[in-house]
N, C-alpha and C. Protein backbone atom coordinates (compact mmCIF):
# COMPACT_ATOMS: atom_id res chain seq x y z
N MET A 1 0.89 -1.00 0.19
CA MET A 1 -0.20 0.03 0.11
C MET A 1 1.07 1.12 -0.14
N ARG A 2 0.43 2.34 -0.91
CA ARG A 2 1.15 3.58 -0.92
C ARG A 2 0.56 4.57 -0.43
N ASN A 3 1.06 5.59 0.40
CA ASN A 3 0.21 6.79 0.78
C ASN A 3 -1.24 6.41 1.34
N GLY A 4 -0.99 5.35 1.79
CA GLY A 4 -2.28 4.94 2.48
C GLY A 4 -3.59 4.63 1.54
N LYS A 5 -3.07 4.63 0.07
CA LYS A 5 -3.96 3.98 -0.77
C LYS A 5 -4.19 2.72 -0.73
N GLU A 6 -5.29 2.10 -0.30
CA GLU A 6 -5.44 0.62 -0.38
C GLU A 6 -5.04 -0.10 -1.60
N ASN A 7 -5.52 0.48 -3.08
CA ASN A 7 -5.08 -0.02 -4.42
C ASN A 7 -3.77 0.20 -4.95
N ASN A 8 -2.90 0.98 -4.23
CA ASN A 8 -1.56 1.40 -4.88
C ASN A 8 -0.68 0.80 -3.94
N PHE A 9 0.09 0.30 -4.86
CA PHE A 9 1.50 -0.36 -4.53
C PHE A 9 2.59 0.01 -5.06
N GLU A 10 4.02 0.23 -4.23
CA GLU A 10 5.03 0.44 -4.53
C GLU A 10 6.05 -0.69 -4.95
N GLY A 11 6.98 -0.29 -5.87
CA GLY A 11 8.06 -1.66 -6.28
C GLY A 11 9.10 -0.99 -6.73
N THR A 12 9.73 -1.77 -7.60
CA THR A 12 11.23 -1.17 -8.48
C THR A 12 10.81 -0.29 -9.54
N LYS A 13 11.17 0.89 -9.78
CA LYS A 13 11.46 1.83 -10.81
C LYS A 13 12.23 1.16 -11.89
N ASN A 14 11.82 1.28 -13.27
CA ASN A 14 12.46 0.63 -14.34
C ASN A 14 12.73 1.54 -15.42
N LYS A 15 12.05 2.41 -15.48
CA LYS A 15 12.01 3.80 -16.64
C LYS A 15 11.32 3.41 -17.99
N TRP A 16 10.53 2.40 -17.89
CA TRP A 16 10.15 1.91 -19.06
C TRP A 16 8.59 2.14 -19.50
N GLY A 17 8.06 3.61 -18.87
CA GLY A 17 7.04 4.01 -19.33
C GLY A 17 5.88 3.30 -18.22
N SER A 18 4.70 3.78 -18.86
CA SER A 18 3.53 3.41 -18.08
C SER A 18 2.41 2.36 -18.93
N ALA A 19 1.42 1.74 -18.40
CA ALA A 19 0.63 1.20 -19.34
C ALA A 19 -0.72 0.82 -18.69
N GLU A 20 -1.92 0.66 -18.96
CA GLU A 20 -2.81 0.36 -18.20
C GLU A 20 -3.87 -0.68 -18.91
N GLY A 21 -4.92 -1.56 -18.43
CA GLY A 21 -5.58 -2.51 -18.87
C GLY A 21 -6.02 -3.76 -18.03
N LYS A 22 -6.65 -4.66 -18.50
CA LYS A 22 -7.25 -5.52 -17.86
C LYS A 22 -6.22 -6.73 -17.32
N ALA A 23 -6.06 -7.14 -16.19
CA ALA A 23 -4.99 -7.92 -15.61
C ALA A 23 -5.43 -9.30 -16.31
N LEU A 24 -4.23 -10.02 -16.20
CA LEU A 24 -4.35 -11.49 -16.67
C LEU A 24 -3.52 -12.10 -15.67
N VAL A 25 -4.03 -12.74 -14.56
CA VAL A 25 -3.22 -13.30 -13.32
C VAL A 25 -2.85 -14.80 -13.05
N THR A 26 -1.84 -15.12 -12.77
CA THR A 26 -1.86 -16.37 -12.18
C THR A 26 -1.00 -16.54 -10.98
N LYS A 27 -0.94 -17.58 -10.20
CA LYS A 27 -0.32 -17.84 -8.86
C LYS A 27 0.96 -18.56 -9.09
N LEU A 28 0.88 -18.90 -10.36
CA LEU A 28 2.09 -19.94 -10.74
C LEU A 28 2.99 -19.34 -11.41
N PRO A 29 4.60 -19.82 -11.26
CA PRO A 29 5.59 -19.26 -11.94
C PRO A 29 5.01 -19.19 -13.42
N PHE A 30 5.55 -18.41 -13.96
CA PHE A 30 5.19 -18.39 -15.67
C PHE A 30 6.80 -18.07 -16.32
N GLY A 31 6.52 -18.69 -17.32
CA GLY A 31 7.81 -18.93 -18.52
C GLY A 31 7.16 -18.77 -19.87
N PHE A 32 7.91 -17.75 -20.56
CA PHE A 32 7.71 -17.49 -22.18
C PHE A 32 8.14 -18.61 -23.03
N THR A 33 9.21 -19.33 -22.82
CA THR A 33 10.11 -20.40 -23.25
C THR A 33 9.01 -21.40 -23.52
N HIS A 34 8.60 -21.83 -25.00
CA HIS A 34 7.52 -22.94 -24.96
C HIS A 34 6.28 -22.79 -24.17
N GLY A 35 5.88 -21.44 -23.57
CA GLY A 35 4.76 -21.35 -23.11
C GLY A 35 3.76 -20.31 -23.55
N VAL A 36 4.58 -19.58 -24.89
CA VAL A 36 3.64 -18.64 -25.44
C VAL A 36 3.93 -18.68 -26.88
N ASP A 37 2.81 -18.75 -27.44
CA ASP A 37 3.25 -18.47 -28.99
C ASP A 37 3.27 -17.03 -29.48
N PRO A 38 4.56 -16.90 -29.96
CA PRO A 38 4.75 -15.38 -30.12
C PRO A 38 4.02 -15.07 -31.54
N LEU A 39 3.33 -15.68 -32.30
CA LEU A 39 2.67 -15.59 -33.43
C LEU A 39 1.25 -14.96 -33.31
N THR A 40 0.94 -15.39 -31.74
CA THR A 40 -0.45 -15.18 -31.69
C THR A 40 -0.53 -14.44 -30.06
N GLY A 41 0.36 -14.63 -29.11
CA GLY A 41 0.34 -14.33 -27.83
C GLY A 41 -0.62 -15.22 -27.03
N ASP A 42 -1.04 -16.55 -27.61
CA ASP A 42 -1.63 -17.45 -26.73
C ASP A 42 -0.85 -18.14 -25.84
N ILE A 43 -1.03 -18.45 -24.55
CA ILE A 43 -0.27 -19.40 -23.76
C ILE A 43 -0.54 -20.69 -23.93
N THR A 44 0.46 -21.52 -24.19
CA THR A 44 0.47 -22.61 -24.56
C THR A 44 1.14 -23.61 -23.57
N ASP A 45 1.65 -23.31 -22.81
CA ASP A 45 2.14 -24.33 -21.79
C ASP A 45 0.88 -25.40 -21.21
N ILE A 46 1.14 -26.58 -21.59
CA ILE A 46 -0.13 -27.60 -21.03
C ILE A 46 0.04 -27.68 -19.44
N ARG A 47 0.87 -27.31 -18.93
CA ARG A 47 0.96 -27.57 -17.47
C ARG A 47 0.59 -26.11 -16.75
N HIS A 48 -0.16 -25.14 -17.43
CA HIS A 48 0.14 -23.96 -16.82
C HIS A 48 -1.62 -23.47 -16.62
N ASP A 49 -2.16 -22.88 -15.53
CA ASP A 49 -3.51 -22.60 -15.21
C ASP A 49 -3.97 -21.44 -16.25
N LEU A 50 -3.10 -20.83 -17.19
CA LEU A 50 -3.39 -19.74 -18.03
C LEU A 50 -3.46 -20.28 -19.53
N ARG A 51 -3.36 -21.74 -19.55
CA ARG A 51 -3.10 -22.13 -20.99
C ARG A 51 -4.65 -21.95 -21.59
N GLY A 52 -4.69 -21.35 -22.79
CA GLY A 52 -5.44 -21.07 -23.57
C GLY A 52 -6.09 -19.49 -23.61
N GLU A 53 -5.60 -19.06 -22.78
CA GLU A 53 -5.57 -17.50 -22.49
C GLU A 53 -4.58 -16.83 -23.65
N ASN A 54 -4.96 -15.71 -23.86
CA ASN A 54 -4.07 -14.71 -24.73
C ASN A 54 -3.54 -13.45 -23.72
N MET A 55 -2.24 -13.32 -24.12
CA MET A 55 -1.77 -12.25 -23.42
C MET A 55 -1.45 -10.85 -23.98
N ARG A 56 -1.87 -10.80 -24.95
CA ARG A 56 -1.87 -9.54 -25.92
C ARG A 56 -2.63 -8.39 -25.36
N GLY A 57 -2.23 -7.31 -25.32
CA GLY A 57 -2.81 -6.01 -24.43
C GLY A 57 -3.38 -6.23 -22.93
N LYS A 58 -2.56 -7.47 -22.15
CA LYS A 58 -3.16 -7.43 -20.66
C LYS A 58 -1.88 -6.83 -20.02
N ILE A 59 -2.29 -7.00 -18.65
CA ILE A 59 -1.31 -6.52 -17.61
C ILE A 59 -0.87 -7.97 -17.00
N LEU A 60 0.21 -8.77 -17.27
CA LEU A 60 0.44 -10.11 -16.86
C LEU A 60 0.92 -10.12 -15.75
N VAL A 61 0.48 -10.63 -14.62
CA VAL A 61 0.51 -10.73 -13.29
C VAL A 61 1.15 -12.14 -12.83
N PHE A 62 1.97 -12.13 -12.27
CA PHE A 62 2.54 -13.77 -11.93
C PHE A 62 3.73 -13.54 -11.00
N PRO A 63 3.88 -14.47 -9.94
CA PRO A 63 4.87 -14.23 -8.89
C PRO A 63 6.45 -14.20 -9.32
N TYR A 64 6.90 -15.40 -10.29
CA TYR A 64 7.98 -15.42 -10.69
C TYR A 64 8.12 -16.20 -11.86
N GLY A 65 9.44 -15.82 -12.63
CA GLY A 65 9.48 -16.27 -13.73
C GLY A 65 10.13 -17.53 -13.72
N LYS A 66 9.86 -18.30 -14.73
CA LYS A 66 10.64 -19.72 -15.16
C LYS A 66 10.92 -19.93 -16.54
N SER A 67 12.25 -19.88 -16.71
CA SER A 67 12.58 -19.85 -18.41
C SER A 67 14.01 -20.54 -18.14
N SER A 68 14.31 -21.04 -19.42
CA SER A 68 15.63 -21.23 -19.87
C SER A 68 16.26 -20.14 -20.60
N SER A 69 17.50 -20.13 -21.20
CA SER A 69 18.24 -19.01 -21.74
C SER A 69 17.70 -18.20 -23.01
N THR A 70 16.38 -18.95 -23.41
CA THR A 70 15.85 -18.75 -24.61
C THR A 70 14.51 -17.79 -24.60
N GLY A 71 14.45 -17.48 -22.97
CA GLY A 71 12.92 -16.87 -22.63
C GLY A 71 13.26 -15.44 -23.08
N GLY A 72 14.04 -14.82 -23.34
CA GLY A 72 14.56 -13.50 -23.75
C GLY A 72 13.93 -13.22 -25.08
N LEU A 73 14.54 -14.26 -25.85
CA LEU A 73 14.11 -14.37 -27.47
C LEU A 73 12.76 -14.69 -27.56
N TYR A 74 12.14 -15.47 -26.88
CA TYR A 74 10.45 -15.44 -26.89
C TYR A 74 9.84 -14.30 -26.79
N ILE A 75 10.20 -13.67 -25.51
CA ILE A 75 9.50 -12.33 -25.17
C ILE A 75 9.89 -11.15 -26.75
N LEU A 76 11.04 -11.45 -27.09
CA LEU A 76 11.31 -10.54 -27.99
C LEU A 76 10.78 -10.78 -29.58
N GLU A 77 10.52 -11.87 -29.71
CA GLU A 77 9.74 -12.47 -30.85
C GLU A 77 8.42 -11.98 -30.37
N THR A 78 7.64 -12.19 -29.54
CA THR A 78 6.47 -11.78 -28.90
C THR A 78 5.95 -10.60 -29.02
N VAL A 79 7.03 -9.53 -28.86
CA VAL A 79 7.13 -8.31 -28.88
C VAL A 79 6.73 -7.85 -30.56
N ARG A 80 7.82 -8.40 -31.04
CA ARG A 80 8.12 -8.02 -32.66
C ARG A 80 6.76 -8.34 -33.42
N CYS A 81 5.90 -9.54 -33.17
CA CYS A 81 4.98 -9.95 -33.61
C CYS A 81 3.48 -8.96 -33.01
N GLY A 82 3.98 -8.10 -32.21
CA GLY A 82 2.66 -7.35 -31.54
C GLY A 82 1.84 -7.97 -30.63
N ASN A 83 2.27 -8.88 -30.06
CA ASN A 83 1.41 -9.86 -28.91
C ASN A 83 1.86 -9.97 -27.65
N ALA A 84 2.90 -9.05 -27.00
CA ALA A 84 3.19 -8.86 -26.04
C ALA A 84 2.03 -8.77 -25.24
N PRO A 85 2.42 -8.75 -23.54
CA PRO A 85 1.65 -8.21 -22.70
C PRO A 85 1.67 -6.48 -22.55
N LEU A 86 0.73 -5.75 -22.10
CA LEU A 86 1.00 -4.38 -22.10
C LEU A 86 2.34 -4.05 -21.00
N ALA A 87 2.09 -4.76 -20.04
CA ALA A 87 3.10 -4.67 -18.54
C ALA A 87 3.17 -6.00 -18.09
N VAL A 88 4.05 -6.17 -17.01
CA VAL A 88 4.57 -7.30 -16.13
C VAL A 88 4.60 -6.76 -14.92
N VAL A 89 3.92 -7.59 -13.79
CA VAL A 89 4.22 -7.47 -12.58
C VAL A 89 4.20 -8.61 -11.87
N ASN A 90 5.53 -8.73 -11.05
CA ASN A 90 5.65 -9.80 -10.44
C ASN A 90 6.24 -9.54 -9.03
N VAL A 91 6.72 -10.69 -8.45
CA VAL A 91 7.41 -10.56 -7.27
C VAL A 91 9.14 -10.01 -7.22
N GLU A 92 9.76 -10.89 -8.47
CA GLU A 92 10.88 -10.54 -8.77
C GLU A 92 11.24 -11.06 -10.04
N THR A 93 11.55 -10.07 -10.96
CA THR A 93 11.76 -10.62 -12.28
C THR A 93 13.03 -11.23 -12.53
N GLU A 94 12.86 -12.51 -12.93
CA GLU A 94 13.90 -13.25 -13.37
C GLU A 94 15.01 -12.56 -14.39
N PRO A 95 16.28 -12.82 -14.43
CA PRO A 95 17.26 -11.59 -15.35
C PRO A 95 16.79 -12.31 -17.03
N VAL A 96 16.68 -13.42 -17.14
CA VAL A 96 16.19 -13.78 -18.62
C VAL A 96 14.98 -13.01 -18.99
N ILE A 97 13.98 -12.74 -18.26
CA ILE A 97 12.67 -12.32 -18.73
C ILE A 97 13.07 -10.82 -18.57
N GLY A 98 13.57 -10.36 -17.89
CA GLY A 98 13.96 -8.71 -17.62
C GLY A 98 14.78 -8.53 -18.97
N ALA A 99 15.64 -9.13 -19.29
CA ALA A 99 16.53 -8.99 -20.52
C ALA A 99 15.62 -9.04 -21.84
N GLY A 100 14.61 -9.88 -21.82
CA GLY A 100 13.83 -10.04 -23.16
C GLY A 100 13.15 -8.27 -23.24
N PHE A 101 12.47 -7.88 -22.02
CA PHE A 101 11.96 -6.58 -22.36
C PHE A 101 12.94 -5.27 -22.41
N ILE A 102 14.15 -5.52 -22.00
CA ILE A 102 15.14 -4.69 -22.12
C ILE A 102 15.48 -4.65 -23.66
N MET A 103 15.49 -5.72 -24.37
CA MET A 103 15.88 -5.82 -25.77
C MET A 103 14.97 -5.23 -26.43
N ALA A 104 13.65 -5.80 -25.90
CA ALA A 104 12.55 -4.93 -26.75
C ALA A 104 12.65 -3.64 -26.99
N ASP A 105 12.93 -2.92 -25.99
CA ASP A 105 13.28 -1.34 -26.10
C ASP A 105 14.34 -1.22 -26.61
N LEU A 106 15.37 -1.64 -26.74
CA LEU A 106 16.72 -1.44 -27.62
C LEU A 106 16.37 -1.82 -29.19
N ILE A 107 15.81 -2.72 -29.28
CA ILE A 107 15.66 -2.98 -30.92
C ILE A 107 14.15 -2.71 -31.51
N TYR A 108 13.23 -2.88 -30.76
CA TYR A 108 12.12 -2.24 -31.39
C TYR A 108 11.55 -0.99 -30.92
N LYS A 109 12.18 -0.32 -29.90
CA LYS A 109 11.74 0.64 -29.21
C LYS A 109 10.10 0.66 -28.65
N LYS A 110 10.11 -0.53 -28.24
CA LYS A 110 9.03 -0.90 -27.25
C LYS A 110 9.10 -0.78 -26.13
N LYS A 111 8.66 0.14 -25.17
CA LYS A 111 8.89 0.11 -23.63
C LYS A 111 7.63 -0.91 -23.14
N ILE A 112 8.05 -1.67 -22.60
CA ILE A 112 6.73 -2.74 -21.74
C ILE A 112 7.29 -2.49 -20.10
N PRO A 113 6.57 -1.80 -19.38
CA PRO A 113 6.91 -1.50 -18.18
C PRO A 113 6.92 -3.11 -17.42
N VAL A 114 7.68 -3.14 -16.29
CA VAL A 114 8.00 -4.61 -15.50
C VAL A 114 8.32 -3.96 -14.14
N VAL A 115 7.27 -4.12 -13.21
CA VAL A 115 7.61 -3.60 -11.96
C VAL A 115 7.45 -4.94 -10.98
N ASP A 116 8.38 -5.13 -10.13
CA ASP A 116 8.89 -6.05 -9.28
C ASP A 116 9.09 -5.49 -7.89
N ARG A 117 9.41 -6.60 -6.96
CA ARG A 117 9.92 -6.13 -5.63
C ARG A 117 8.45 -5.17 -4.91
N LEU A 118 7.29 -5.72 -5.29
CA LEU A 118 6.40 -4.57 -4.67
C LEU A 118 6.33 -5.25 -2.79
N GLU A 119 5.25 -4.50 -2.16
CA GLU A 119 5.33 -4.59 -0.51
C GLU A 119 4.80 -6.02 -0.58
N GLN A 120 4.02 -6.50 -1.72
CA GLN A 120 3.53 -8.06 -1.26
C GLN A 120 3.29 -8.80 -2.59
N ASP A 121 3.03 -9.99 -2.80
CA ASP A 121 2.64 -10.61 -3.94
C ASP A 121 1.52 -10.15 -4.70
N LEU A 122 1.36 -9.18 -5.54
CA LEU A 122 0.25 -8.97 -6.22
C LEU A 122 -0.49 -9.96 -7.17
N SER A 123 0.06 -10.90 -7.26
CA SER A 123 -0.62 -12.24 -7.71
C SER A 123 -1.70 -12.89 -6.71
N GLU A 124 -1.63 -12.63 -5.53
CA GLU A 124 -2.59 -12.90 -4.38
C GLU A 124 -3.72 -11.57 -4.10
N VAL A 125 -3.45 -10.20 -4.99
CA VAL A 125 -4.25 -9.35 -4.56
C VAL A 125 -5.19 -8.91 -5.62
N ILE A 126 -4.46 -8.46 -7.27
CA ILE A 126 -5.13 -8.45 -8.30
C ILE A 126 -5.47 -9.77 -8.86
N LYS A 127 -6.88 -9.62 -9.32
CA LYS A 127 -7.60 -10.76 -9.93
C LYS A 127 -7.81 -10.55 -11.68
N THR A 128 -7.72 -11.49 -12.33
CA THR A 128 -8.01 -11.54 -13.74
C THR A 128 -9.14 -10.93 -13.83
N GLY A 129 -9.24 -9.82 -14.89
CA GLY A 129 -10.48 -9.02 -15.27
C GLY A 129 -10.12 -7.59 -14.32
N ASP A 130 -9.47 -7.44 -13.58
CA ASP A 130 -9.18 -5.99 -12.96
C ASP A 130 -8.43 -5.07 -13.71
N TYR A 131 -8.91 -4.00 -13.85
CA TYR A 131 -8.19 -2.97 -14.46
C TYR A 131 -7.29 -2.56 -13.70
N VAL A 132 -5.96 -2.33 -14.32
CA VAL A 132 -4.60 -1.85 -13.73
C VAL A 132 -4.02 -1.02 -14.12
N LYS A 133 -3.01 -0.01 -13.49
CA LYS A 133 -2.18 0.72 -14.19
C LYS A 133 -1.01 0.68 -13.56
N VAL A 134 0.03 0.50 -14.44
CA VAL A 134 1.17 0.08 -14.19
C VAL A 134 2.39 1.46 -14.64
N ASP A 135 2.85 1.94 -13.66
CA ASP A 135 3.78 3.06 -13.79
C ASP A 135 5.34 2.65 -13.60
N GLY A 136 5.99 2.16 -14.37
CA GLY A 136 7.57 1.78 -14.70
C GLY A 136 8.19 2.84 -14.17
N ASP A 137 8.00 3.90 -14.55
CA ASP A 137 9.20 4.99 -14.32
C ASP A 137 9.20 5.27 -12.57
N LYS A 138 7.82 5.27 -11.83
CA LYS A 138 7.52 5.26 -10.61
C LYS A 138 7.49 4.51 -9.92
N GLY A 139 7.33 3.15 -10.43
CA GLY A 139 7.44 2.03 -9.68
C GLY A 139 5.95 1.69 -8.94
N ILE A 140 5.10 2.19 -9.49
CA ILE A 140 3.85 2.03 -8.99
C ILE A 140 2.65 1.34 -9.55
N VAL A 141 1.84 0.29 -8.99
CA VAL A 141 1.00 -0.47 -9.59
C VAL A 141 -0.34 -0.22 -8.65
N GLU A 142 -1.40 0.31 -9.68
CA GLU A 142 -2.40 0.63 -9.10
C GLU A 142 -3.72 0.08 -9.72
N ILE A 143 -4.48 -0.47 -8.69
CA ILE A 143 -5.51 -1.08 -9.32
C ILE A 143 -6.82 -0.35 -9.30
N ILE A 144 -7.26 0.08 -10.71
CA ILE A 144 -8.29 1.21 -11.11
C ILE A 144 -9.68 0.82 -10.70
N LYS A 145 -9.82 -0.16 -11.22
CA LYS A 145 -11.18 -0.84 -11.16
C LYS A 145 -11.47 -2.60 -11.15
N ARG A 146 -12.02 -3.13 -10.14
CA ARG A 146 -12.27 -4.43 -10.04
C ARG A 146 -12.83 -5.10 -10.85
N GLY A 147 -12.70 -6.04 -11.30
CA GLY A 147 -13.22 -6.86 -12.67
C GLY A 147 -14.69 -7.23 -11.94
N GLU A 148 -15.45 -7.76 -12.99
CA GLU A 148 -16.70 -8.15 -12.83
C GLU A 148 -17.06 -9.66 -12.51
């Protein structure tokens, strides 16, 4: 909670702009490698509770990443195809996942905010369908409106 506001949370600043939209949330670790189809944005990992969902244009909320060294390349290809999430919120950003979003900015000039190290695990607070604003420049995540 930030400034006494129940729906505001403060985390790490990353200077990657801001985004807002509907949240797509899981309490399971999330991996982009073989877990996402970059051509569609569909989540394809058969062992994941988000299988069948699409991340394009969503605020992706998950506790931790799980990835191999190619995770950053999957993110980069997903961005190139226009199917990346609007922003990512998690407890701690795995270096390979962070590198993917850094490369997206460097190569495609696409800034996707990633905020982590918040006061609490927001995968326990935010629900799929909630309308969320992520400000990477300030490191703030705000729940604007609860989903229905």
